[in-house]
Amino acid sequence: ENREDMLSSRSNRLTEALEEANELFSGVSCAREAVLDAQLLVLVSNLGKEKANELHSDMTAFDSVVFAEDLLTFMGINRIEVEENDSDSEDVSGGYLPGDAWHKLGEEAGKYFRRAPSFHYMLGSFKSDPPVPRQRIERQKKAAGGEEKRAMPAQLKKMEESHQEATEKEVERILGLLQTHFKNDPDTPISFFDLVIDPNSFARTVENIFHVSFIIRDGFAQIKLDDDKLPIIEPSKDNERKENDNSAGARNQVVMSLNHQEWK
């Protein structure tokens, strides 16, 4: 209804209608209302396009033909003068450019470009010789059978065997002491800490805990908690050891922490 008023360049009715539609769209709840809003946007877009086409700008458009004519005139030839003069003229015969036309254009265009400094050698030019090819040294191929097994030194092998034997003997010694104590006094439980802690050596205490762990792992002894929730250790009987071997979930692993201050 207000098409002419909205297309006027002095009127702002098109923007006001669009802002009013934005406010009404916040209350849209039905599909029909959304369709009407979409139709309004289409109508506003068409009106905006027509309004933009009617705008006039004062900017001058680039005309390639006029630019070419001005360029030829600057280089020394005028099309209008060529047409007016006789075709037998020697200077502008056939509309050809003068010999220094492009040189003249280059001098003028060079004023608007920054040139990079020319490269030169301080000690004159030199010719680089190609690099001397290096002699290729062929490496010996490894045997197809793979790497040979490295032999362990005899001294290190003896040390490992002696260390292993010493550990086994120590484990057997502690197990013998544990079994002997229970034979003499089977009713008195042995505290785990009283068994393993050496009051005079922290390193020896750690070794004792290490050796007792083998006894617990192999099922020769077991650790329980007394009434004070402190660990006690006692040797396992033959029937209990067989039951522990048969049952997979009977054993648990425990990580024990003991620092120097706690040992004191």
C-alpha atoms as a PDB file:
ATOM      1  CA  GLU A   1       0.000   0.000   0.000  1.00  0.00           C
ATOM      2  CA  ASN A   2       2.885   2.392   0.802  1.00  0.00           C
ATOM      3  CA  ARG A   3       5.174   1.262  -2.004  1.00  0.00           C
ATOM      4  CA  GLU A   4       5.922   4.736  -3.348  1.00  0.00           C
ATOM      5  CA  ASP A   5       6.625   6.098   0.118  1.00  0.00           C
ATOM      6  CA  MET A   6       8.994   3.236   0.976  1.00  0.00           C
ATOM      7  CA  LEU A   7      10.948   3.516  -2.294  1.00  0.00           C
ATOM      8  CA  SER A   8      11.566   7.194  -1.723  1.00  0.00           C
ATOM      9  CA  SER A   9      15.193   7.983  -0.922  1.00  0.00           C
ATOM     10  CA  ARG A  10      14.127  10.501   1.712  1.00  0.00           C
ATOM     11  CA  SER A  11      11.886   8.045   3.572  1.00  0.00           C
ATOM     12  CA  ASN A  12      12.980   5.557   6.224  1.00  0.00           C
ATOM     13  CA  ARG A  13       9.734   3.571   6.254  1.00  0.00           C
ATOM     14  CA  LEU A  14      11.375   0.379   4.941  1.00  0.00           C
ATOM     15  CA  THR A  15      13.762   0.190   7.891  1.00  0.00           C
ATOM     16  CA  GLU A  16      10.953   0.936  10.347  1.00  0.00           C
ATOM     17  CA  ALA A  17       8.812  -1.861   8.900  1.00  0.00           C
ATOM     18  CA  LEU A  18      11.708  -4.306   9.185  1.00  0.00           C
ATOM     19  CA  GLU A  19      12.346  -3.363  12.848  1.00  0.00           C
ATOM     20  CA  GLU A  20       8.633  -3.771  13.624  1.00  0.00           C
ATOM     21  CA  ALA A  21       8.681  -7.232  12.021  1.00  0.00           C
ATOM     22  CA  ASN A  22      11.669  -8.207  14.174  1.00  0.00           C
ATOM     23  CA  GLU A  23       9.763  -7.259  17.337  1.00  0.00           C
ATOM     24  CA  LEU A  24       6.669  -9.203  16.228  1.00  0.00           C
ATOM     25  CA  PHE A  25       8.754 -12.289  15.363  1.00  0.00           C
ATOM     26  CA  SER A  26       9.691 -12.780  19.042  1.00  0.00           C
ATOM     27  CA  GLY A  27       6.056 -13.764  19.730  1.00  0.00           C
ATOM     28  CA  VAL A  28       5.661 -16.162  16.799  1.00  0.00           C
ATOM     29  CA  SER A  29       4.317 -19.545  17.902  1.00  0.00           C
ATOM     30  CA  CYS A  30       2.404 -20.910  14.902  1.00  0.00           C
ATOM     31  CA  ALA A  31       3.640 -22.127  11.535  1.00  0.00           C
ATOM     32  CA  ARG A  32       1.307 -19.765   9.673  1.00  0.00           C
ATOM     33  CA  GLU A  33       2.815 -16.750  11.425  1.00  0.00           C
ATOM     34  CA  ALA A  34       6.337 -17.908  10.496  1.00  0.00           C
ATOM     35  CA  VAL A  35       5.253 -18.211   6.843  1.00  0.00           C
ATOM     36  CA  LEU A  36       3.899 -14.658   6.905  1.00  0.00           C
ATOM     37  CA  ASP A  37       7.205 -13.452   8.351  1.00  0.00           C
ATOM     38  CA  ALA A  38       9.119 -15.189   5.548  1.00  0.00           C
ATOM     39  CA  GLN A  39       6.858 -13.570   2.939  1.00  0.00           C
ATOM     40  CA  LEU A  40       7.511 -10.189   4.545  1.00  0.00           C
ATOM     41  CA  LEU A  41      11.283 -10.700   4.283  1.00  0.00           C
ATOM     42  CA  VAL A  42      10.952 -11.518   0.581  1.00  0.00           C
ATOM     43  CA  LEU A  43       8.890  -8.401   0.013  1.00  0.00           C
ATOM     44  CA  VAL A  44      11.332  -6.201   1.956  1.00  0.00           C
ATOM     45  CA  SER A  45      14.281  -7.644  -0.011  1.00  0.00           C
ATOM     46  CA  ASN A  46      12.621  -6.821  -3.342  1.00  0.00           C
ATOM     47  CA  LEU A  47      11.821  -3.289  -2.213  1.00  0.00           C
ATOM     48  CA  GLY A  48      15.374  -2.819  -0.967  1.00  0.00           C
ATOM     49  CA  LYS A  49      16.749  -3.956  -4.316  1.00  0.00           C
ATOM     50  CA  GLU A  50      14.547  -1.506  -6.218  1.00  0.00           C
ATOM     51  CA  LYS A  51      15.546   1.287  -3.849  1.00  0.00           C
ATOM     52  CA  ALA A  52      19.240   0.518  -4.327  1.00  0.00           C
ATOM     53  CA  ASN A  53      18.890   0.552  -8.119  1.00  0.00           C
ATOM     54  CA  GLU A  54      17.403   4.045  -8.009  1.00  0.00           C
ATOM     55  CA  LEU A  55      20.389   5.464  -6.106  1.00  0.00           C
ATOM     56  CA  HIS A  56      22.775   7.674  -8.099  1.00  0.00           C
ATOM     57  CA  SER A  57      26.455   7.935  -7.220  1.00  0.00           C
ATOM     58  CA  ASP A  58      28.769  10.732  -8.232  1.00  0.00           C
ATOM     59  CA  MET A  59      31.740   8.388  -8.734  1.00  0.00           C
ATOM     60  CA  THR A  60      33.295   8.404 -12.190  1.00  0.00           C
ATOM     61  CA  ALA A  61      33.468   5.003 -13.868  1.00  0.00           C
ATOM     62  CA  PHE A  62      36.670   3.814 -15.551  1.00  0.00           C
ATOM     63  CA  ASP A  63      36.395   3.945 -19.329  1.00  0.00           C
ATOM     64  CA  SER A  64      39.036   1.808 -21.019  1.00  0.00           C
ATOM     65  CA  VAL A  65      38.531   3.463 -24.429  1.00  0.00           C
ATOM     66  CA  VAL A  66      39.097   6.970 -23.066  1.00  0.00           C
ATOM     67  CA  PHE A  67      42.149   5.728 -21.124  1.00  0.00           C
ATOM     68  CA  ALA A  68      43.608   4.221 -24.307  1.00  0.00           C
ATOM     69  CA  GLU A  69      43.093   7.466 -26.220  1.00  0.00           C
ATOM     70  CA  ASP A  70      44.825   9.488 -23.501  1.00  0.00           C
ATOM     71  CA  LEU A  71      47.675   6.986 -23.402  1.00  0.00           C
ATOM     72  CA  LEU A  72      48.232   7.201 -27.147  1.00  0.00           C
ATOM     73  CA  THR A  73      48.197  10.961 -26.956  1.00  0.00           C
ATOM     74  CA  PHE A  74      50.836  10.934 -24.238  1.00  0.00           C
ATOM     75  CA  MET A  75      53.011   8.536 -26.281  1.00  0.00           C
ATOM     76  CA  GLY A  76      53.015  10.887 -29.287  1.00  0.00           C
ATOM     77  CA  ILE A  77      50.061  10.030 -31.503  1.00  0.00           C
ATOM     78  CA  ASN A  78      46.650  11.673 -31.672  1.00  0.00           C
ATOM     79  CA  ARG A  79      43.889   9.800 -33.421  1.00  0.00           C
ATOM     80  CA  ILE A  80      41.956  12.969 -34.227  1.00  0.00           C
ATOM     81  CA  GLU A  81      44.966  14.625 -35.867  1.00  0.00           C
ATOM     82  CA  VAL A  82      45.727  11.434 -37.790  1.00  0.00           C
ATOM     83  CA  GLU A  83      42.232  11.361 -39.224  1.00  0.00           C
ATOM     84  CA  GLU A  84      42.392  15.025 -40.187  1.00  0.00           C
ATOM     85  CA  ASN A  85      45.863  14.885 -41.781  1.00  0.00           C
ATOM     86  CA  ASP A  86      46.512  13.244 -45.080  1.00  0.00           C
ATOM     87  CA  SER A  87      47.410   9.602 -45.089  1.00  0.00           C
ATOM     88  CA  ASP A  88      50.719  10.453 -46.907  1.00  0.00           C
ATOM     89  CA  SER A  89      52.218  12.227 -43.898  1.00  0.00           C
ATOM     90  CA  GLU A  90      55.645  10.851 -43.028  1.00  0.00           C
ATOM     91  CA  ASP A  91      55.618  11.488 -39.227  1.00  0.00           C
ATOM     92  CA  VAL A  92      52.349   9.814 -38.426  1.00  0.00           C
ATOM     93  CA  SER A  93      52.005   7.578 -41.433  1.00  0.00           C
ATOM     94  CA  GLY A  94      49.328   4.939 -40.821  1.00  0.00           C
ATOM     95  CA  GLY A  95      48.962   5.844 -37.165  1.00  0.00           C
ATOM     96  CA  TYR A  96      52.220   4.183 -36.040  1.00  0.00           C
ATOM     97  CA  LEU A  97      53.773   5.151 -32.709  1.00  0.00           C
ATOM     98  CA  PRO A  98      57.079   7.059 -32.667  1.00  0.00           C
ATOM     99  CA  GLY A  99      60.243   5.119 -31.964  1.00  0.00           C
ATOM    100  CA  ASP A 100      60.669   6.472 -28.431  1.00  0.00           C
ATOM    101  CA  ALA A 101      57.002   6.072 -27.456  1.00  0.00           C
ATOM    102  CA  TRP A 102      57.423   3.106 -25.136  1.00  0.00           C
ATOM    103  CA  HIS A 103      60.628   4.548 -23.708  1.00  0.00           C
ATOM    104  CA  LYS A 104      58.764   7.715 -22.835  1.00  0.00           C
ATOM    105  CA  LEU A 105      55.978   5.751 -21.167  1.00  0.00           C
ATOM    106  CA  GLY A 106      58.516   3.691 -19.211  1.00  0.00           C
ATOM    107  CA  GLU A 107      60.256   6.756 -17.812  1.00  0.00           C
ATOM    108  CA  GLU A 108      56.939   8.181 -16.644  1.00  0.00           C
ATOM    109  CA  ALA A 109      55.724   4.909 -15.106  1.00  0.00           C
ATOM    110  CA  GLY A 110      59.066   4.333 -13.372  1.00  0.00           C
ATOM    111  CA  LYS A 111      58.404   7.303 -11.092  1.00  0.00           C
ATOM    112  CA  TYR A 112      55.605   5.405  -9.369  1.00  0.00           C
ATOM    113  CA  PHE A 113      57.504   2.171  -8.634  1.00  0.00           C
ATOM    114  CA  ARG A 114      60.194   1.507  -6.068  1.00  0.00           C
ATOM    115  CA  ARG A 115      63.144  -0.305  -7.533  1.00  0.00           C
ATOM    116  CA  ALA A 116      65.261  -2.820  -5.645  1.00  0.00           C
ATOM    117  CA  PRO A 117      69.013  -2.069  -5.592  1.00  0.00           C
ATOM    118  CA  SER A 118      71.002  -3.997  -8.154  1.00  0.00           C
ATOM    119  CA  PHE A 119      73.121  -6.912  -6.900  1.00  0.00           C
ATOM    120  CA  HIS A 120      76.874  -6.856  -7.384  1.00  0.00           C
ATOM    121  CA  TYR A 121      79.944  -8.678  -6.021  1.00  0.00           C
ATOM    122  CA  MET A 122      82.448  -6.731  -3.932  1.00  0.00           C
ATOM    123  CA  LEU A 123      85.385  -8.780  -5.320  1.00  0.00           C
ATOM    124  CA  GLY A 124      84.007  -9.387  -8.776  1.00  0.00           C
ATOM    125  CA  SER A 125      82.122 -12.343 -10.112  1.00  0.00           C
ATOM    126  CA  PHE A 126      83.219 -15.879  -9.440  1.00  0.00           C
ATOM    127  CA  LYS A 127      82.416 -19.274 -10.847  1.00  0.00           C
ATOM    128  CA  SER A 128      81.512 -22.020  -8.423  1.00  0.00           C
ATOM    129  CA  ASP A 129      82.969 -25.425  -9.141  1.00  0.00           C
ATOM    130  CA  PRO A 130      80.759 -28.475  -8.669  1.00  0.00           C
ATOM    131  CA  PRO A 131      81.365 -30.345  -5.408  1.00  0.00           C
ATOM    132  CA  VAL A 132      83.753 -33.260  -5.502  1.00  0.00           C
ATOM    133  CA  PRO A 133      81.818 -36.511  -5.181  1.00  0.00           C
ATOM    134  CA  ARG A 134      82.657 -38.412  -2.049  1.00  0.00           C
ATOM    135  CA  GLN A 135      83.759 -41.976  -2.174  1.00  0.00           C
ATOM    136  CA  ARG A 136      81.010 -44.211  -0.951  1.00  0.00           C
ATOM    137  CA  ILE A 137      82.109 -46.710   1.653  1.00  0.00           C
ATOM    138  CA  GLU A 138      80.061 -49.861   1.536  1.00  0.00           C
ATOM    139  CA  ARG A 139      79.172 -51.302   4.882  1.00  0.00           C
ATOM    140  CA  GLN A 140      79.343 -54.969   5.537  1.00  0.00           C
ATOM    141  CA  LYS A 141      75.971 -56.605   5.491  1.00  0.00           C
ATOM    142  CA  LYS A 142      74.808 -58.301   8.647  1.00  0.00           C
ATOM    143  CA  ALA A 143      74.451 -62.020   8.702  1.00  0.00           C
ATOM    144  CA  ALA A 144      71.063 -63.328   7.640  1.00  0.00           C
ATOM    145  CA  GLY A 145      70.741 -65.402  10.777  1.00  0.00           C
ATOM    146  CA  GLY A 146      70.292 -62.299  12.960  1.00  0.00           C
ATOM    147  CA  GLU A 147      72.330 -61.058  15.854  1.00  0.00           C
ATOM    148  CA  GLU A 148      74.242 -63.612  17.801  1.00  0.00           C
ATOM    149  CA  LYS A 149      73.363 -64.091  21.417  1.00  0.00           C
ATOM    150  CA  ARG A 150      75.611 -62.088  23.651  1.00  0.00           C
ATOM    151  CA  ALA A 151      77.470 -64.244  26.099  1.00  0.00           C
ATOM    152  CA  MET A 152      77.196 -63.163  29.729  1.00  0.00           C
ATOM    153  CA  PRO A 153      80.579 -62.736  31.450  1.00  0.00           C
ATOM    154  CA  ALA A 154      81.441 -65.614  33.729  1.00  0.00           C
ATOM    155  CA  GLN A 155      82.080 -63.342  36.704  1.00  0.00           C
ATOM    156  CA  LEU A 156      78.651 -61.655  36.421  1.00  0.00           C
ATOM    157  CA  LYS A 157      76.962 -65.016  35.981  1.00  0.00           C
ATOM    158  CA  LYS A 158      78.594 -66.338  39.141  1.00  0.00           C
ATOM    159  CA  MET A 159      77.523 -63.207  41.058  1.00  0.00           C
ATOM    160  CA  GLU A 160      73.890 -63.666  40.000  1.00  0.00           C
ATOM    161  CA  GLU A 161      73.944 -67.321  40.969  1.00  0.00           C
ATOM    162  CA  SER A 162      75.539 -66.577  44.333  1.00  0.00           C
ATOM    163  CA  HIS A 163      73.035 -63.794  45.054  1.00  0.00           C
ATOM    164  CA  GLN A 164      70.124 -66.077  44.210  1.00  0.00           C
ATOM    165  CA  GLU A 165      71.503 -68.848  46.399  1.00  0.00           C
ATOM    166  CA  ALA A 166      71.985 -66.409  49.272  1.00  0.00           C
ATOM    167  CA  THR A 167      68.366 -65.232  48.978  1.00  0.00           C
ATOM    168  CA  GLU A 168      67.063 -68.805  48.999  1.00  0.00           C
ATOM    169  CA  LYS A 169      69.148 -69.677  52.059  1.00  0.00           C
ATOM    170  CA  GLU A 170      67.974 -66.586  53.935  1.00  0.00           C
ATOM    171  CA  VAL A 171      64.330 -67.370  53.135  1.00  0.00           C
ATOM    172  CA  GLU A 172      64.797 -70.920  54.376  1.00  0.00           C
ATOM    173  CA  ARG A 173      66.492 -69.654  57.557  1.00  0.00           C
ATOM    174  CA  ILE A 174      63.643 -67.235  58.390  1.00  0.00           C
ATOM    175  CA  LEU A 175      61.046 -69.940  57.695  1.00  0.00           C
ATOM    176  CA  GLY A 176      62.917 -72.323  60.019  1.00  0.00           C
ATOM    177  CA  LEU A 177      62.944 -69.732  62.805  1.00  0.00           C
ATOM    178  CA  LEU A 178      59.215 -69.125  62.327  1.00  0.00           C
ATOM    179  CA  GLN A 179      58.357 -72.813  62.432  1.00  0.00           C
ATOM    180  CA  THR A 180      60.616 -73.446  65.452  1.00  0.00           C
ATOM    181  CA  HIS A 181      58.956 -70.633  67.440  1.00  0.00           C
ATOM    182  CA  PHE A 182      55.494 -72.015  66.770  1.00  0.00           C
ATOM    183  CA  LYS A 183      56.526 -75.495  67.812  1.00  0.00           C
ATOM    184  CA  ASN A 184      57.778 -74.170  71.145  1.00  0.00           C
ATOM    185  CA  ASP A 185      54.863 -71.796  71.783  1.00  0.00           C
ATOM    186  CA  PRO A 186      51.970 -72.369  69.360  1.00  0.00           C
ATOM    187  CA  ASP A 187      49.495 -70.230  71.329  1.00  0.00           C
ATOM    188  CA  THR A 188      51.502 -66.993  71.192  1.00  0.00           C
ATOM    189  CA  PRO A 189      51.224 -65.168  67.831  1.00  0.00           C
ATOM    190  CA  ILE A 190      54.303 -63.472  66.381  1.00  0.00           C
ATOM    191  CA  SER A 191      54.024 -59.817  65.456  1.00  0.00           C
ATOM    192  CA  PHE A 192      55.038 -59.221  61.847  1.00  0.00           C
ATOM    193  CA  PHE A 193      56.983 -56.075  62.766  1.00  0.00           C
ATOM    194  CA  ASP A 194      58.771 -57.795  65.659  1.00  0.00           C
ATOM    195  CA  LEU A 195      59.891 -60.457  63.192  1.00  0.00           C
ATOM    196  CA  VAL A 196      61.198 -58.260  60.362  1.00  0.00           C
ATOM    197  CA  ILE A 197      62.415 -55.045  62.056  1.00  0.00           C
ATOM    198  CA  ASP A 198      66.119 -54.885  62.951  1.00  0.00           C
ATOM    199  CA  PRO A 199      66.541 -52.109  65.564  1.00  0.00           C
ATOM    200  CA  ASN A 200      70.128 -51.480  64.480  1.00  0.00           C
ATOM    201  CA  SER A 201      69.798 -51.471  60.656  1.00  0.00           C
ATOM    202  CA  PHE A 202      67.145 -49.991  58.368  1.00  0.00           C
ATOM    203  CA  ALA A 203      68.628 -51.774  55.334  1.00  0.00           C
ATOM    204  CA  ARG A 204      68.503 -55.105  57.123  1.00  0.00           C
ATOM    205  CA  THR A 205      64.838 -54.445  57.964  1.00  0.00           C
ATOM    206  CA  VAL A 206      64.028 -53.932  54.297  1.00  0.00           C
ATOM    207  CA  GLU A 207      65.839 -57.148  53.411  1.00  0.00           C
ATOM    208  CA  ASN A 208      63.858 -59.061  56.043  1.00  0.00           C
ATOM    209  CA  ILE A 209      60.561 -57.792  54.610  1.00  0.00           C
ATOM    210  CA  PHE A 210      61.777 -58.795  51.149  1.00  0.00           C
ATOM    211  CA  HIS A 211      62.645 -62.328  52.270  1.00  0.00           C
ATOM    212  CA  VAL A 212      59.409 -62.811  54.221  1.00  0.00           C
ATOM    213  CA  SER A 213      57.441 -61.829  51.105  1.00  0.00           C
ATOM    214  CA  PHE A 214      58.725 -64.987  49.390  1.00  0.00           C
ATOM    215  CA  ILE A 215      57.465 -67.106  52.279  1.00  0.00           C
ATOM    216  CA  ILE A 216      54.014 -65.494  52.043  1.00  0.00           C
ATOM    217  CA  ARG A 217      53.942 -65.788  48.246  1.00  0.00           C
ATOM    218  CA  ASP A 218      54.750 -69.496  48.232  1.00  0.00           C
ATOM    219  CA  GLY A 219      52.101 -70.188  50.883  1.00  0.00           C
ATOM    220  CA  PHE A 220      54.456 -71.372  53.678  1.00  0.00           C
ATOM    221  CA  ALA A 221      53.103 -68.681  56.014  1.00  0.00           C
ATOM    222  CA  GLN A 222      50.150 -66.360  56.274  1.00  0.00           C
ATOM    223  CA  ILE A 223      49.506 -62.916  57.734  1.00  0.00           C
ATOM    224  CA  LYS A 224      46.442 -62.076  59.790  1.00  0.00           C
ATOM    225  CA  LEU A 225      45.235 -59.142  61.887  1.00  0.00           C
ATOM    226  CA  ASP A 226      44.923 -59.350  65.643  1.00  0.00           C
ATOM    227  CA  ASP A 227      42.387 -57.588  67.856  1.00  0.00           C
ATOM    228  CA  ASP A 228      44.338 -54.318  67.578  1.00  0.00           C
ATOM    229  CA  LYS A 229      44.295 -54.541  63.763  1.00  0.00           C
ATOM    230  CA  LEU A 230      48.056 -55.160  63.698  1.00  0.00           C
ATOM    231  CA  PRO A 231      49.562 -57.845  61.428  1.00  0.00           C
ATOM    232  CA  ILE A 232      50.675 -61.154  62.906  1.00  0.00           C
ATOM    233  CA  ILE A 233      52.415 -63.987  61.030  1.00  0.00           C
ATOM    234  CA  GLU A 234      52.169 -67.734  61.501  1.00  0.00           C
ATOM    235  CA  PRO A 235      53.323 -70.727  59.436  1.00  0.00           C
ATOM    236  CA  SER A 236      50.741 -72.489  57.297  1.00  0.00           C
ATOM    237  CA  LYS A 237      49.799 -76.109  57.855  1.00  0.00           C
ATOM    238  CA  ASP A 238      50.109 -78.659  55.066  1.00  0.00           C
ATOM    239  CA  ASN A 239      46.359 -78.938  54.492  1.00  0.00           C
ATOM    240  CA  GLU A 240      45.961 -75.125  54.462  1.00  0.00           C
ATOM    241  CA  ARG A 241      48.785 -74.807  51.921  1.00  0.00           C
ATOM    242  CA  LYS A 242      47.087 -77.274  49.580  1.00  0.00           C
ATOM    243  CA  GLU A 243      43.760 -75.440  49.871  1.00  0.00           C
ATOM    244  CA  ASN A 244      45.465 -72.118  49.075  1.00  0.00           C
ATOM    245  CA  ASP A 245      47.131 -73.628  46.013  1.00  0.00           C
ATOM    246  CA  ASN A 246      43.798 -74.935  44.711  1.00  0.00           C
ATOM    247  CA  SER A 247      41.827 -71.724  45.318  1.00  0.00           C
ATOM    248  CA  ALA A 248      42.750 -68.913  42.925  1.00  0.00           C
ATOM    249  CA  GLY A 249      41.296 -66.048  44.978  1.00  0.00           C
ATOM    250  CA  ALA A 250      42.810 -67.001  48.328  1.00  0.00           C
ATOM    251  CA  ARG A 251      45.936 -64.811  48.030  1.00  0.00           C
ATOM    252  CA  ASN A 252      46.206 -61.040  47.879  1.00  0.00           C
ATOM    253  CA  GLN A 253      49.126 -58.791  47.063  1.00  0.00           C
ATOM    254  CA  VAL A 254      49.937 -55.903  49.403  1.00  0.00           C
ATOM    255  CA  VAL A 255      52.318 -52.993  48.817  1.00  0.00           C
ATOM    256  CA  MET A 256      53.932 -51.944  52.095  1.00  0.00           C
ATOM    257  CA  SER A 257      55.466 -48.516  52.764  1.00  0.00           C
ATOM    258  CA  LEU A 258      58.165 -48.044  55.431  1.00  0.00           C
ATOM    259  CA  ASN A 259      60.418 -45.004  55.557  1.00  0.00           C
ATOM    260  CA  HIS A 260      63.382 -44.291  57.819  1.00  0.00           C
ATOM    261  CA  GLN A 261      61.379 -42.175  60.271  1.00  0.00           C
ATOM    262  CA  GLU A 262      58.709 -44.862  60.725  1.00  0.00           C
ATOM    263  CA  TRP A 263      61.470 -47.455  61.244  1.00  0.00           C
ATOM    264  CA  LYS A 264      62.896 -45.382  64.098  1.00  0.00           C
END
